[in-house]
mmCIF file of all heavy atoms, coordinates in Angstrom:
data_MODEL
# 
_entry.id   MODEL 
# 
loop_
_atom_site.group_PDB 
_atom_site.id 
_atom_site.type_symbol 
_atom_site.label_atom_id 
_atom_site.label_alt_id 
_atom_site.label_comp_id 
_atom_site.label_asym_id 
_atom_site.label_entity_id 
_atom_site.label_seq_id 
_atom_site.pdbx_PDB_ins_code 
_atom_site.Cartn_x 
_atom_site.Cartn_y 
_atom_site.Cartn_z 
_atom_site.occupancy 
_atom_site.B_iso_or_equiv 
_atom_site.pdbx_formal_charge 
_atom_site.auth_seq_id 
_atom_site.auth_comp_id 
_atom_site.auth_asym_id 
_atom_site.auth_atom_id 
_atom_site.pdbx_PDB_model_num 
ATOM 1   N N   . ASP A 1 1  ? -1.832  -4.648 8.704   1.00 0.00 ? 1  ASP A N   1 
ATOM 2   C CA  . ASP A 1 1  ? -2.818  -4.413 9.765   1.00 0.00 ? 1  ASP A CA  1 
ATOM 3   C C   . ASP A 1 1  ? -3.878  -3.407 9.324   1.00 0.00 ? 1  ASP A C   1 
ATOM 4   O O   . ASP A 1 1  ? -5.066  -3.585 9.598   1.00 0.00 ? 1  ASP A O   1 
ATOM 5   C CB  . ASP A 1 1  ? -2.125  -3.907 11.032  1.00 0.00 ? 1  ASP A CB  1 
ATOM 6   C CG  . ASP A 1 1  ? -1.282  -4.980 11.704  1.00 0.00 ? 1  ASP A CG  1 
ATOM 7   O OD1 . ASP A 1 1  ? -1.435  -6.162 11.350  1.00 0.00 ? 1  ASP A OD1 1 
ATOM 8   O OD2 . ASP A 1 1  ? -0.458  -4.616 12.568  1.00 0.00 ? 1  ASP A OD2 1 
ATOM 9   N N   . SER A 1 2  ? -3.443  -2.349 8.646   1.00 0.00 ? 2  SER A N   1 
ATOM 10  C CA  . SER A 1 2  ? -4.394  -1.328 8.209   1.00 0.00 ? 2  SER A CA  1 
ATOM 11  C C   . SER A 1 2  ? -5.335  -1.878 7.143   1.00 0.00 ? 2  SER A C   1 
ATOM 12  O O   . SER A 1 2  ? -6.544  -1.634 7.188   1.00 0.00 ? 2  SER A O   1 
ATOM 13  C CB  . SER A 1 2  ? -3.637  -0.114 7.654   1.00 0.00 ? 2  SER A CB  1 
ATOM 14  O OG  . SER A 1 2  ? -2.882  0.512  8.664   1.00 0.00 ? 2  SER A OG  1 
ATOM 15  N N   . ALA A 1 3  ? -4.784  -2.614 6.186   1.00 0.00 ? 3  ALA A N   1 
ATOM 16  C CA  . ALA A 1 3  ? -5.611  -3.177 5.123   1.00 0.00 ? 3  ALA A CA  1 
ATOM 17  C C   . ALA A 1 3  ? -6.681  -4.105 5.704   1.00 0.00 ? 3  ALA A C   1 
ATOM 18  O O   . ALA A 1 3  ? -7.858  -4.048 5.317   1.00 0.00 ? 3  ALA A O   1 
ATOM 19  C CB  . ALA A 1 3  ? -4.739  -3.925 4.119   1.00 0.00 ? 3  ALA A CB  1 
ATOM 20  N N   . VAL A 1 4  ? -6.275  -4.954 6.647   1.00 0.00 ? 4  VAL A N   1 
ATOM 21  C CA  . VAL A 1 4  ? -7.228  -5.885 7.267   1.00 0.00 ? 4  VAL A CA  1 
ATOM 22  C C   . VAL A 1 4  ? -8.267  -5.115 8.076   1.00 0.00 ? 4  VAL A C   1 
ATOM 23  O O   . VAL A 1 4  ? -9.464  -5.437 8.051   1.00 0.00 ? 4  VAL A O   1 
ATOM 24  C CB  . VAL A 1 4  ? -6.485  -6.900 8.160   1.00 0.00 ? 4  VAL A CB  1 
ATOM 25  C CG1 . VAL A 1 4  ? -7.472  -7.708 8.997   1.00 0.00 ? 4  VAL A CG1 1 
ATOM 26  C CG2 . VAL A 1 4  ? -5.631  -7.836 7.308   1.00 0.00 ? 4  VAL A CG2 1 
ATOM 27  N N   . ARG A 1 5  ? -7.840  -4.081 8.777   1.00 0.00 ? 5  ARG A N   1 
ATOM 28  C CA  . ARG A 1 5  ? -8.779  -3.300 9.596   1.00 0.00 ? 5  ARG A CA  1 
ATOM 29  C C   . ARG A 1 5  ? -9.822  -2.605 8.731   1.00 0.00 ? 5  ARG A C   1 
ATOM 30  O O   . ARG A 1 5  ? -11.007 -2.557 9.088   1.00 0.00 ? 5  ARG A O   1 
ATOM 31  C CB  . ARG A 1 5  ? -8.013  -2.271 10.426  1.00 0.00 ? 5  ARG A CB  1 
ATOM 32  C CG  . ARG A 1 5  ? -8.905  -1.546 11.431  1.00 0.00 ? 5  ARG A CG  1 
ATOM 33  C CD  . ARG A 1 5  ? -8.088  -0.721 12.400  1.00 0.00 ? 5  ARG A CD  1 
ATOM 34  N NE  . ARG A 1 5  ? -7.391  0.376  11.750  1.00 0.00 ? 5  ARG A NE  1 
ATOM 35  C CZ  . ARG A 1 5  ? -6.088  0.417  11.550  1.00 0.00 ? 5  ARG A CZ  1 
ATOM 36  N NH1 . ARG A 1 5  ? -5.313  -0.594 11.933  1.00 0.00 ? 5  ARG A NH1 1 
ATOM 37  N NH2 . ARG A 1 5  ? -5.529  1.457  10.953  1.00 0.00 ? 5  ARG A NH2 1 
ATOM 38  N N   . TYR A 1 6  ? -9.412  -2.064 7.574   1.00 0.00 ? 6  TYR A N   1 
ATOM 39  C CA  . TYR A 1 6  ? -10.379 -1.409 6.697   1.00 0.00 ? 6  TYR A CA  1 
ATOM 40  C C   . TYR A 1 6  ? -11.435 -2.412 6.226   1.00 0.00 ? 6  TYR A C   1 
ATOM 41  O O   . TYR A 1 6  ? -12.620 -2.073 6.112   1.00 0.00 ? 6  TYR A O   1 
ATOM 42  C CB  . TYR A 1 6  ? -9.677  -0.794 5.489   1.00 0.00 ? 6  TYR A CB  1 
ATOM 43  C CG  . TYR A 1 6  ? -8.705  0.312  5.826   1.00 0.00 ? 6  TYR A CG  1 
ATOM 44  C CD1 . TYR A 1 6  ? -7.529  0.478  5.099   1.00 0.00 ? 6  TYR A CD1 1 
ATOM 45  C CD2 . TYR A 1 6  ? -8.951  1.195  6.876   1.00 0.00 ? 6  TYR A CD2 1 
ATOM 46  C CE1 . TYR A 1 6  ? -6.632  1.487  5.401   1.00 0.00 ? 6  TYR A CE1 1 
ATOM 47  C CE2 . TYR A 1 6  ? -8.060  2.209  7.189   1.00 0.00 ? 6  TYR A CE2 1 
ATOM 48  C CZ  . TYR A 1 6  ? -6.893  2.347  6.436   1.00 0.00 ? 6  TYR A CZ  1 
ATOM 49  O OH  . TYR A 1 6  ? -6.000  3.345  6.747   1.00 0.00 ? 6  TYR A OH  1 
ATOM 50  N N   . ALA A 1 7  ? -11.008 -3.633 5.941   1.00 0.00 ? 7  ALA A N   1 
ATOM 51  C CA  . ALA A 1 7  ? -11.956 -4.657 5.493   1.00 0.00 ? 7  ALA A CA  1 
ATOM 52  C C   . ALA A 1 7  ? -12.846 -5.124 6.637   1.00 0.00 ? 7  ALA A C   1 
ATOM 53  O O   . ALA A 1 7  ? -14.071 -5.239 6.476   1.00 0.00 ? 7  ALA A O   1 
ATOM 54  C CB  . ALA A 1 7  ? -11.201 -5.838 4.890   1.00 0.00 ? 7  ALA A CB  1 
ATOM 55  N N   . GLU A 1 8  ? -12.247 -5.376 7.796   1.00 0.00 ? 8  GLU A N   1 
ATOM 56  C CA  . GLU A 1 8  ? -13.000 -5.923 8.931   1.00 0.00 ? 8  GLU A CA  1 
ATOM 57  C C   . GLU A 1 8  ? -13.944 -4.901 9.560   1.00 0.00 ? 8  GLU A C   1 
ATOM 58  O O   . GLU A 1 8  ? -15.119 -5.187 9.813   1.00 0.00 ? 8  GLU A O   1 
ATOM 59  C CB  . GLU A 1 8  ? -12.037 -6.442 10.002  1.00 0.00 ? 8  GLU A CB  1 
ATOM 60  C CG  . GLU A 1 8  ? -11.475 -7.809 9.725   1.00 0.00 ? 8  GLU A CG  1 
ATOM 61  C CD  . GLU A 1 8  ? -10.652 -8.320 10.897  1.00 0.00 ? 8  GLU A CD  1 
ATOM 62  O OE1 . GLU A 1 8  ? -10.099 -7.493 11.653  1.00 0.00 ? 8  GLU A OE1 1 
ATOM 63  O OE2 . GLU A 1 8  ? -10.548 -9.551 11.029  1.00 0.00 ? 8  GLU A OE2 1 
ATOM 64  N N   . GLU A 1 9  ? -13.410 -3.711 9.834   1.00 0.00 ? 9  GLU A N   1 
ATOM 65  C CA  . GLU A 1 9  ? -14.163 -2.736 10.616  1.00 0.00 ? 9  GLU A CA  1 
ATOM 66  C C   . GLU A 1 9  ? -15.060 -1.839 9.771   1.00 0.00 ? 9  GLU A C   1 
ATOM 67  O O   . GLU A 1 9  ? -16.126 -1.425 10.229  1.00 0.00 ? 9  GLU A O   1 
ATOM 68  C CB  . GLU A 1 9  ? -13.195 -1.872 11.432  1.00 0.00 ? 9  GLU A CB  1 
ATOM 69  C CG  . GLU A 1 9  ? -12.389 -2.672 12.459  1.00 0.00 ? 9  GLU A CG  1 
ATOM 70  C CD  . GLU A 1 9  ? -11.442 -1.800 13.255  1.00 0.00 ? 9  GLU A CD  1 
ATOM 71  O OE1 . GLU A 1 9  ? -11.484 -0.558 13.089  1.00 0.00 ? 9  GLU A OE1 1 
ATOM 72  O OE2 . GLU A 1 9  ? -10.657 -2.355 14.041  1.00 0.00 ? 9  GLU A OE2 1 
ATOM 73  N N   . ARG A 1 10 ? -14.622 -1.524 8.546   1.00 0.00 ? 10 ARG A N   1 
ATOM 74  C CA  . ARG A 1 10 ? -15.404 -0.622 7.704   1.00 0.00 ? 10 ARG A CA  1 
ATOM 75  C C   . ARG A 1 10 ? -16.124 -1.339 6.568   1.00 0.00 ? 10 ARG A C   1 
ATOM 76  O O   . ARG A 1 10 ? -16.962 -0.750 5.905   1.00 0.00 ? 10 ARG A O   1 
ATOM 77  C CB  . ARG A 1 10 ? -14.492 0.456  7.110   1.00 0.00 ? 10 ARG A CB  1 
ATOM 78  C CG  . ARG A 1 10 ? -13.751 1.276  8.140   1.00 0.00 ? 10 ARG A CG  1 
ATOM 79  C CD  . ARG A 1 10 ? -14.654 2.049  9.059   1.00 0.00 ? 10 ARG A CD  1 
ATOM 80  N NE  . ARG A 1 10 ? -15.378 3.117  8.386   1.00 0.00 ? 10 ARG A NE  1 
ATOM 81  C CZ  . ARG A 1 10 ? -15.923 4.156  9.004   1.00 0.00 ? 10 ARG A CZ  1 
ATOM 82  N NH1 . ARG A 1 10 ? -15.841 4.257  10.331  1.00 0.00 ? 10 ARG A NH1 1 
ATOM 83  N NH2 . ARG A 1 10 ? -16.583 5.064  8.347   1.00 0.00 ? 10 ARG A NH2 1 
ATOM 84  N N   . HIS A 1 11 ? -15.775 -2.593 6.342   1.00 0.00 ? 11 HIS A N   1 
ATOM 85  C CA  . HIS A 1 11 ? -16.340 -3.365 5.232   1.00 0.00 ? 11 HIS A CA  1 
ATOM 86  C C   . HIS A 1 11 ? -16.031 -2.703 3.890   1.00 0.00 ? 11 HIS A C   1 
ATOM 87  O O   . HIS A 1 11 ? -16.853 -2.716 2.968   1.00 0.00 ? 11 HIS A O   1 
ATOM 88  C CB  . HIS A 1 11 ? -17.849 -3.556 5.419   1.00 0.00 ? 11 HIS A CB  1 
ATOM 89  C CG  . HIS A 1 11 ? -18.204 -4.176 6.740   1.00 0.00 ? 11 HIS A CG  1 
ATOM 90  N ND1 . HIS A 1 11 ? -17.870 -5.480 7.072   1.00 0.00 ? 11 HIS A ND1 1 
ATOM 91  C CD2 . HIS A 1 11 ? -18.844 -3.665 7.821   1.00 0.00 ? 11 HIS A CD2 1 
ATOM 92  C CE1 . HIS A 1 11 ? -18.299 -5.745 8.283   1.00 0.00 ? 11 HIS A CE1 1 
ATOM 93  N NE2 . HIS A 1 11 ? -18.882 -4.657 8.773   1.00 0.00 ? 11 HIS A NE2 1 
ATOM 94  N N   . TRP A 1 12 ? -14.826 -2.125 3.795   1.00 0.00 ? 12 TRP A N   1 
ATOM 95  C CA  . TRP A 1 12 ? -14.371 -1.532 2.546   1.00 0.00 ? 12 TRP A CA  1 
ATOM 96  C C   . TRP A 1 12 ? -13.618 -2.578 1.730   1.00 0.00 ? 12 TRP A C   1 
ATOM 97  O O   . TRP A 1 12 ? -12.886 -3.407 2.282   1.00 0.00 ? 12 TRP A O   1 
ATOM 98  C CB  . TRP A 1 12 ? -13.416 -0.369 2.825   1.00 0.00 ? 12 TRP A CB  1 
ATOM 99  C CG  . TRP A 1 12 ? -14.058 0.840  3.412   1.00 0.00 ? 12 TRP A CG  1 
ATOM 100 C CD1 . TRP A 1 12 ? -15.379 1.170  3.399   1.00 0.00 ? 12 TRP A CD1 1 
ATOM 101 C CD2 . TRP A 1 12 ? -13.388 1.911  4.096   1.00 0.00 ? 12 TRP A CD2 1 
ATOM 102 N NE1 . TRP A 1 12 ? -15.588 2.373  4.031   1.00 0.00 ? 12 TRP A NE1 1 
ATOM 103 C CE2 . TRP A 1 12 ? -14.387 2.846  4.462   1.00 0.00 ? 12 TRP A CE2 1 
ATOM 104 C CE3 . TRP A 1 12 ? -12.063 2.166  4.422   1.00 0.00 ? 12 TRP A CE3 1 
ATOM 105 C CZ2 . TRP A 1 12 ? -14.079 4.010  5.144   1.00 0.00 ? 12 TRP A CZ2 1 
ATOM 106 C CZ3 . TRP A 1 12 ? -11.757 3.326  5.108   1.00 0.00 ? 12 TRP A CZ3 1 
ATOM 107 C CH2 . TRP A 1 12 ? -12.756 4.246  5.463   1.00 0.00 ? 12 TRP A CH2 1 
ATOM 108 N N   . ASP A 1 13 ? -13.770 -2.518 0.410   1.00 0.00 ? 13 ASP A N   1 
ATOM 109 C CA  . ASP A 1 13 ? -12.902 -3.312 -0.453  1.00 0.00 ? 13 ASP A CA  1 
ATOM 110 C C   . ASP A 1 13 ? -11.507 -2.699 -0.416  1.00 0.00 ? 13 ASP A C   1 
ATOM 111 O O   . ASP A 1 13 ? -11.354 -1.469 -0.382  1.00 0.00 ? 13 ASP A O   1 
ATOM 112 C CB  . ASP A 1 13 ? -13.429 -3.313 -1.882  1.00 0.00 ? 13 ASP A CB  1 
ATOM 113 C CG  . ASP A 1 13 ? -14.611 -4.250 -2.064  1.00 0.00 ? 13 ASP A CG  1 
ATOM 114 O OD1 . ASP A 1 13 ? -14.985 -4.931 -1.085  1.00 0.00 ? 13 ASP A OD1 1 
ATOM 115 O OD2 . ASP A 1 13 ? -15.156 -4.305 -3.178  1.00 0.00 ? 13 ASP A OD2 1 
ATOM 116 N N   . VAL A 1 14 ? -10.500 -3.554 -0.419  1.00 0.00 ? 14 VAL A N   1 
ATOM 117 C CA  . VAL A 1 14 ? -9.114  -3.107 -0.315  1.00 0.00 ? 14 VAL A CA  1 
ATOM 118 C C   . VAL A 1 14 ? -8.299  -3.757 -1.432  1.00 0.00 ? 14 VAL A C   1 
ATOM 119 O O   . VAL A 1 14 ? -8.554  -4.902 -1.822  1.00 0.00 ? 14 VAL A O   1 
ATOM 120 C CB  . VAL A 1 14 ? -8.506  -3.479 1.057   1.00 0.00 ? 14 VAL A CB  1 
ATOM 121 C CG1 . VAL A 1 14 ? -7.135  -2.851 1.228   1.00 0.00 ? 14 VAL A CG1 1 
ATOM 122 C CG2 . VAL A 1 14 ? -9.424  -3.027 2.190   1.00 0.00 ? 14 VAL A CG2 1 
ATOM 123 N N   . LEU A 1 15 ? -7.314  -3.022 -1.927  1.00 0.00 ? 15 LEU A N   1 
ATOM 124 C CA  . LEU A 1 15 ? -6.515  -3.479 -3.064  1.00 0.00 ? 15 LEU A CA  1 
ATOM 125 C C   . LEU A 1 15 ? -5.039  -3.242 -2.790  1.00 0.00 ? 15 LEU A C   1 
ATOM 126 O O   . LEU A 1 15 ? -4.660  -2.152 -2.377  1.00 0.00 ? 15 LEU A O   1 
ATOM 127 C CB  . LEU A 1 15 ? -6.937  -2.693 -4.307  1.00 0.00 ? 15 LEU A CB  1 
ATOM 128 C CG  . LEU A 1 15 ? -6.114  -2.893 -5.572  1.00 0.00 ? 15 LEU A CG  1 
ATOM 129 C CD1 . LEU A 1 15 ? -6.418  -4.249 -6.193  1.00 0.00 ? 15 LEU A CD1 1 
ATOM 130 C CD2 . LEU A 1 15 ? -6.405  -1.763 -6.560  1.00 0.00 ? 15 LEU A CD2 1 
ATOM 131 N N   . PRO A 1 16 ? -4.170  -4.250 -3.009  1.00 0.00 ? 16 PRO A N   1 
ATOM 132 C CA  . PRO A 1 16 ? -2.728  -4.008 -2.900  1.00 0.00 ? 16 PRO A CA  1 
ATOM 133 C C   . PRO A 1 16 ? -2.211  -3.285 -4.139  1.00 0.00 ? 16 PRO A C   1 
ATOM 134 O O   . PRO A 1 16 ? -2.533  -3.663 -5.270  1.00 0.00 ? 16 PRO A O   1 
ATOM 135 C CB  . PRO A 1 16 ? -2.139  -5.429 -2.794  1.00 0.00 ? 16 PRO A CB  1 
ATOM 136 C CG  . PRO A 1 16 ? -3.112  -6.292 -3.523  1.00 0.00 ? 16 PRO A CG  1 
ATOM 137 C CD  . PRO A 1 16 ? -4.469  -5.663 -3.314  1.00 0.00 ? 16 PRO A CD  1 
ATOM 138 N N   . GLY A 1 17 ? -1.436  -2.239 -3.922  1.00 0.00 ? 17 GLY A N   1 
ATOM 139 C CA  . GLY A 1 17 ? -0.903  -1.468 -5.038  1.00 0.00 ? 17 GLY A CA  1 
ATOM 140 C C   . GLY A 1 17 ? 0.611   -1.540 -5.131  1.00 0.00 ? 17 GLY A C   1 
ATOM 141 O O   . GLY A 1 17 ? 1.257   -2.394 -4.520  1.00 0.00 ? 17 GLY A O   1 
ATOM 142 N N   . SER A 1 18 ? 1.167   -0.645 -5.904  1.00 0.00 ? 18 SER A N   1 
ATOM 143 C CA  . SER A 1 18 ? 2.626   -0.568 -6.057  1.00 0.00 ? 18 SER A CA  1 
ATOM 144 C C   . SER A 1 18 ? 3.254   -0.059 -4.766  1.00 0.00 ? 18 SER A C   1 
ATOM 145 O O   . SER A 1 18 ? 2.560   0.275  -3.806  1.00 0.00 ? 18 SER A O   1 
ATOM 146 C CB  . SER A 1 18 ? 2.962   0.366  -7.225  1.00 0.00 ? 18 SER A CB  1 
ATOM 147 O OG  . SER A 1 18 ? 2.467   1.671  -6.969  1.00 0.00 ? 18 SER A OG  1 
ATOM 148 N N   . TRP A 1 19 ? 4.574   0.029  -4.736  1.00 0.00 ? 19 TRP A N   1 
ATOM 149 C CA  . TRP A 1 19 ? 5.280   0.510  -3.545  1.00 0.00 ? 19 TRP A CA  1 
ATOM 150 C C   . TRP A 1 19 ? 6.542   1.235  -3.976  1.00 0.00 ? 19 TRP A C   1 
ATOM 151 O O   . TRP A 1 19 ? 6.947   1.201  -5.140  1.00 0.00 ? 19 TRP A O   1 
ATOM 152 C CB  . TRP A 1 19 ? 5.622   -0.657 -2.609  1.00 0.00 ? 19 TRP A CB  1 
ATOM 153 C CG  . TRP A 1 19 ? 6.467   -1.728 -3.257  1.00 0.00 ? 19 TRP A CG  1 
ATOM 154 C CD1 . TRP A 1 19 ? 7.837   -1.802 -3.313  1.00 0.00 ? 19 TRP A CD1 1 
ATOM 155 C CD2 . TRP A 1 19 ? 5.976   -2.876 -3.958  1.00 0.00 ? 19 TRP A CD2 1 
ATOM 156 N NE1 . TRP A 1 19 ? 8.233   -2.911 -4.002  1.00 0.00 ? 19 TRP A NE1 1 
ATOM 157 C CE2 . TRP A 1 19 ? 7.115   -3.606 -4.405  1.00 0.00 ? 19 TRP A CE2 1 
ATOM 158 C CE3 . TRP A 1 19 ? 4.709   -3.384 -4.263  1.00 0.00 ? 19 TRP A CE3 1 
ATOM 159 C CZ2 . TRP A 1 19 ? 7.003   -4.790 -5.137  1.00 0.00 ? 19 TRP A CZ2 1 
ATOM 160 C CZ3 . TRP A 1 19 ? 4.602   -4.556 -4.987  1.00 0.00 ? 19 TRP A CZ3 1 
ATOM 161 C CH2 . TRP A 1 19 ? 5.739   -5.248 -5.408  1.00 0.00 ? 19 TRP A CH2 1 
ATOM 162 N N   . LEU A 1 20 ? 7.186   1.903  -3.040  1.00 0.00 ? 20 LEU A N   1 
ATOM 163 C CA  . LEU A 1 20 ? 8.417   2.634  -3.320  1.00 0.00 ? 20 LEU A CA  1 
ATOM 164 C C   . LEU A 1 20 ? 9.622   1.755  -3.043  1.00 0.00 ? 20 LEU A C   1 
ATOM 165 O O   . LEU A 1 20 ? 9.645   0.990  -2.085  1.00 0.00 ? 20 LEU A O   1 
ATOM 166 C CB  . LEU A 1 20 ? 8.502   3.894  -2.461  1.00 0.00 ? 20 LEU A CB  1 
ATOM 167 C CG  . LEU A 1 20 ? 7.504   5.007  -2.784  1.00 0.00 ? 20 LEU A CG  1 
ATOM 168 C CD1 . LEU A 1 20 ? 7.657   6.137  -1.780  1.00 0.00 ? 20 LEU A CD1 1 
ATOM 169 C CD2 . LEU A 1 20 ? 7.693   5.520  -4.195  1.00 0.00 ? 20 LEU A CD2 1 
ATOM 170 N N   . GLU A 1 21 ? 10.617  1.892  -3.893  1.00 0.00 ? 21 GLU A N   1 
ATOM 171 C CA  . GLU A 1 21 ? 11.900  1.214  -3.691  1.00 0.00 ? 21 GLU A CA  1 
ATOM 172 C C   . GLU A 1 21 ? 12.995  2.116  -4.238  1.00 0.00 ? 21 GLU A C   1 
ATOM 173 O O   . GLU A 1 21 ? 12.719  3.193  -4.770  1.00 0.00 ? 21 GLU A O   1 
ATOM 174 C CB  . GLU A 1 21 ? 11.901  -0.143 -4.392  1.00 0.00 ? 21 GLU A CB  1 
ATOM 175 C CG  . GLU A 1 21 ? 11.544  -0.096 -5.854  1.00 0.00 ? 21 GLU A CG  1 
ATOM 176 C CD  . GLU A 1 21 ? 11.355  -1.475 -6.467  1.00 0.00 ? 21 GLU A CD  1 
ATOM 177 O OE1 . GLU A 1 21 ? 11.052  -2.427 -5.732  1.00 0.00 ? 21 GLU A OE1 1 
ATOM 178 O OE2 . GLU A 1 21 ? 11.524  -1.587 -7.693  1.00 0.00 ? 21 GLU A OE2 1 
ATOM 179 N N   . ARG A 1 22 ? 14.250  1.687  -4.116  1.00 0.00 ? 22 ARG A N   1 
ATOM 180 C CA  . ARG A 1 22 ? 15.367  2.485  -4.607  1.00 0.00 ? 22 ARG A CA  1 
ATOM 181 C C   . ARG A 1 22 ? 15.997  1.807  -5.813  1.00 0.00 ? 22 ARG A C   1 
ATOM 182 O O   . ARG A 1 22 ? 16.070  0.580  -5.887  1.00 0.00 ? 22 ARG A O   1 
ATOM 183 C CB  . ARG A 1 22 ? 16.430  2.666  -3.514  1.00 0.00 ? 22 ARG A CB  1 
ATOM 184 C CG  . ARG A 1 22 ? 15.971  3.511  -2.339  1.00 0.00 ? 22 ARG A CG  1 
ATOM 185 C CD  . ARG A 1 22 ? 17.094  3.686  -1.332  1.00 0.00 ? 22 ARG A CD  1 
ATOM 186 N NE  . ARG A 1 22 ? 16.657  4.449  -0.170  1.00 0.00 ? 22 ARG A NE  1 
ATOM 187 C CZ  . ARG A 1 22 ? 16.667  5.776  -0.109  1.00 0.00 ? 22 ARG A CZ  1 
ATOM 188 N NH1 . ARG A 1 22 ? 17.082  6.480  -1.139  1.00 0.00 ? 22 ARG A NH1 1 
ATOM 189 N NH2 . ARG A 1 22 ? 16.256  6.396  0.985   1.00 0.00 ? 22 ARG A NH2 1 
ATOM 190 N N   . ASP A 1 23 ? 16.477  2.625  -6.758  1.00 0.00 ? 23 ASP A N   1 
ATOM 191 C CA  . ASP A 1 23 ? 17.191  2.060  -7.890  1.00 0.00 ? 23 ASP A CA  1 
ATOM 192 C C   . ASP A 1 23 ? 18.645  1.826  -7.500  1.00 0.00 ? 23 ASP A C   1 
ATOM 193 O O   . ASP A 1 23 ? 19.042  2.020  -6.335  1.00 0.00 ? 23 ASP A O   1 
ATOM 194 C CB  . ASP A 1 23 ? 17.077  2.956  -9.120  1.00 0.00 ? 23 ASP A CB  1 
ATOM 195 C CG  . ASP A 1 23 ? 17.689  4.343  -8.914  1.00 0.00 ? 23 ASP A CG  1 
ATOM 196 O OD1 . ASP A 1 23 ? 18.516  4.512  -7.983  1.00 0.00 ? 23 ASP A OD1 1 
ATOM 197 O OD2 . ASP A 1 23 ? 17.334  5.262  -9.676  1.00 0.00 ? 23 ASP A OD2 1 
ATOM 198 N N   . GLU A 1 24 ? 19.469  1.397  -8.438  1.00 0.00 ? 24 GLU A N   1 
ATOM 199 C CA  . GLU A 1 24 ? 20.867  1.058  -8.128  1.00 0.00 ? 24 GLU A CA  1 
ATOM 200 C C   . GLU A 1 24 ? 21.651  2.249  -7.606  1.00 0.00 ? 24 GLU A C   1 
ATOM 201 O O   . GLU A 1 24 ? 22.610  2.091  -6.854  1.00 0.00 ? 24 GLU A O   1 
ATOM 202 C CB  . GLU A 1 24 ? 21.540  0.484  -9.378  1.00 0.00 ? 24 GLU A CB  1 
ATOM 203 C CG  . GLU A 1 24 ? 20.968  -0.856 -9.820  1.00 0.00 ? 24 GLU A CG  1 
ATOM 204 C CD  . GLU A 1 24 ? 21.663  -1.397 -11.060 1.00 0.00 ? 24 GLU A CD  1 
ATOM 205 O OE1 . GLU A 1 24 ? 22.527  -0.669 -11.605 1.00 0.00 ? 24 GLU A OE1 1 
ATOM 206 O OE2 . GLU A 1 24 ? 21.337  -2.520 -11.483 1.00 0.00 ? 24 GLU A OE2 1 
ATOM 207 N N   . GLY A 1 25 ? 21.237  3.440  -7.988  1.00 0.00 ? 25 GLY A N   1 
ATOM 208 C CA  . GLY A 1 25 ? 21.932  4.634  -7.513  1.00 0.00 ? 25 GLY A CA  1 
ATOM 209 C C   . GLY A 1 25 ? 21.374  5.183  -6.214  1.00 0.00 ? 25 GLY A C   1 
ATOM 210 O O   . GLY A 1 25 ? 21.847  6.197  -5.719  1.00 0.00 ? 25 GLY A O   1 
ATOM 211 N N   . GLY A 1 26 ? 20.365  4.510  -5.669  1.00 0.00 ? 26 GLY A N   1 
ATOM 212 C CA  . GLY A 1 26 ? 19.782  4.953  -4.408  1.00 0.00 ? 26 GLY A CA  1 
ATOM 213 C C   . GLY A 1 26 ? 18.648  5.942  -4.551  1.00 0.00 ? 26 GLY A C   1 
ATOM 214 O O   . GLY A 1 26 ? 18.097  6.406  -3.547  1.00 0.00 ? 26 GLY A O   1 
ATOM 215 N N   . ALA A 1 27 ? 18.288  6.270  -5.787  1.00 0.00 ? 27 ALA A N   1 
ATOM 216 C CA  . ALA A 1 27 ? 17.201  7.223  -6.005  1.00 0.00 ? 27 ALA A CA  1 
ATOM 217 C C   . ALA A 1 27 ? 15.850  6.520  -5.857  1.00 0.00 ? 27 ALA A C   1 
ATOM 218 O O   . ALA A 1 27 ? 15.720  5.338  -6.178  1.00 0.00 ? 27 ALA A O   1 
ATOM 219 C CB  . ALA A 1 27 ? 17.318  7.840  -7.393  1.00 0.00 ? 27 ALA A CB  1 
# 
């Protein structure tokens, strides 16, 4: 929703980036 709003309302270019996840030990 935020990514679409930045493009629609502000006419900003938007880019999908990396994200956080957990390793096998939960870190």
